[in-house]
């Protein structure tokens, strides 16, 4: 299915416009995570099991 370029561009601009507000409350999230913080829910941690020594990426948070 071909990409609808005008809709794709409008969607990109919309996301770019709200990103600042979305991230404004997060502070230094990299430091939070380096210091052992997690954004995973208890249920997710239980399903994943022992994560010691492993690295994770949330696939909905990747850039393309």
C-alpha atoms as a PDB file:
ATOM      1  CA  UNK A   1       0.000   0.000   0.000  1.00  0.00           C
ATOM      2  CA  UNK A   2       1.547   3.330  -1.012  1.00  0.00           C
ATOM      3  CA  UNK A   3       2.142   5.978   1.651  1.00  0.00           C
ATOM      4  CA  UNK A   4      -0.230   8.942   1.555  1.00  0.00           C
ATOM      5  CA  UNK A   5       2.542  11.569   1.672  1.00  0.00           C
ATOM      6  CA  UNK A   6       0.382  14.569   2.722  1.00  0.00           C
ATOM      7  CA  UNK A   7      -1.188  12.589   5.580  1.00  0.00           C
ATOM      8  CA  UNK A   8       2.187  11.171   6.579  1.00  0.00           C
ATOM      9  CA  UNK A   9       3.710  14.655   6.688  1.00  0.00           C
ATOM     10  CA  UNK A  10       0.759  16.075   8.642  1.00  0.00           C
ATOM     11  CA  UNK A  11       1.075  13.246  11.159  1.00  0.00           C
ATOM     12  CA  UNK A  12       4.833  13.860  11.513  1.00  0.00           C
ATOM     13  CA  UNK A  13       4.299  17.592  12.100  1.00  0.00           C
ATOM     14  CA  UNK A  14       1.608  16.856  14.677  1.00  0.00           C
ATOM     15  CA  UNK A  15       3.862  14.483  16.631  1.00  0.00           C
ATOM     16  CA  UNK A  16       6.758  16.956  16.467  1.00  0.00           C
ATOM     17  CA  UNK A  17       4.504  19.709  17.822  1.00  0.00           C
ATOM     18  CA  UNK A  18       3.484  17.739  20.930  1.00  0.00           C
ATOM     19  CA  UNK A  19       6.811  16.061  21.710  1.00  0.00           C
ATOM     20  CA  UNK A  20       8.052  18.951  23.871  1.00  0.00           C
ATOM     21  CA  UNK A  21       4.967  18.893  26.083  1.00  0.00           C
ATOM     22  CA  UNK A  22       5.039  15.108  26.271  1.00  0.00           C
ATOM     23  CA  UNK A  23       8.663  15.080  27.425  1.00  0.00           C
ATOM     24  CA  UNK A  24       8.581  18.191  29.628  1.00  0.00           C
ATOM     25  CA  UNK A  25       7.753  16.287  32.820  1.00  0.00           C
ATOM     26  CA  UNK A  26      10.423  13.625  32.427  1.00  0.00           C
ATOM     27  CA  UNK A  27      13.463  15.556  33.644  1.00  0.00           C
ATOM     28  CA  UNK A  28      16.722  13.643  33.222  1.00  0.00           C
ATOM     29  CA  UNK A  29      15.212  10.299  32.276  1.00  0.00           C
ATOM     30  CA  UNK A  30      18.574   8.899  31.130  1.00  0.00           C
ATOM     31  CA  UNK A  31      20.037   9.475  34.618  1.00  0.00           C
ATOM     32  CA  UNK A  32      16.910   7.949  36.179  1.00  0.00           C
ATOM     33  CA  UNK A  33      17.369   4.785  34.096  1.00  0.00           C
ATOM     34  CA  UNK A  34      21.164   4.641  34.607  1.00  0.00           C
ATOM     35  CA  UNK A  35      20.547   4.808  38.365  1.00  0.00           C
ATOM     36  CA  UNK A  36      18.345   1.702  38.180  1.00  0.00           C
ATOM     37  CA  UNK A  37      14.947   3.307  37.607  1.00  0.00           C
ATOM     38  CA  UNK A  38      12.367   1.536  35.503  1.00  0.00           C
ATOM     39  CA  UNK A  39       9.287   2.552  33.559  1.00  0.00           C
ATOM     40  CA  UNK A  40       8.018  -1.022  33.376  1.00  0.00           C
ATOM     41  CA  UNK A  41       4.877  -2.056  35.229  1.00  0.00           C
ATOM     42  CA  UNK A  42       5.056  -4.787  37.880  1.00  0.00           C
ATOM     43  CA  UNK A  43       3.112  -7.144  35.607  1.00  0.00           C
ATOM     44  CA  UNK A  44       5.609  -6.580  32.785  1.00  0.00           C
ATOM     45  CA  UNK A  45       8.561  -7.261  35.086  1.00  0.00           C
ATOM     46  CA  UNK A  46       6.919 -10.495  36.261  1.00  0.00           C
ATOM     47  CA  UNK A  47       6.343 -11.655  32.679  1.00  0.00           C
ATOM     48  CA  UNK A  48       9.901 -10.809  31.625  1.00  0.00           C
ATOM     49  CA  UNK A  49      11.562 -12.636  34.506  1.00  0.00           C
ATOM     50  CA  UNK A  50      15.141 -11.964  35.572  1.00  0.00           C
ATOM     51  CA  UNK A  51      16.600  -9.100  33.534  1.00  0.00           C
ATOM     52  CA  UNK A  52      19.938  -8.876  35.340  1.00  0.00           C
ATOM     53  CA  UNK A  53      22.707  -8.227  32.820  1.00  0.00           C
ATOM     54  CA  UNK A  54      20.275  -7.720  29.932  1.00  0.00           C
ATOM     55  CA  UNK A  55      19.294  -4.628  27.955  1.00  0.00           C
ATOM     56  CA  UNK A  56      15.791  -3.867  26.690  1.00  0.00           C
ATOM     57  CA  UNK A  57      14.285  -1.541  24.145  1.00  0.00           C
ATOM     58  CA  UNK A  58      10.622  -0.567  23.989  1.00  0.00           C
ATOM     59  CA  UNK A  59       9.785  -1.005  20.310  1.00  0.00           C
ATOM     60  CA  UNK A  60       7.195   1.758  20.302  1.00  0.00           C
ATOM     61  CA  UNK A  61       9.919   4.198  21.294  1.00  0.00           C
ATOM     62  CA  UNK A  62      12.239   3.697  18.350  1.00  0.00           C
ATOM     63  CA  UNK A  63      12.913   6.292  15.681  1.00  0.00           C
ATOM     64  CA  UNK A  64      12.663   5.430  11.985  1.00  0.00           C
END
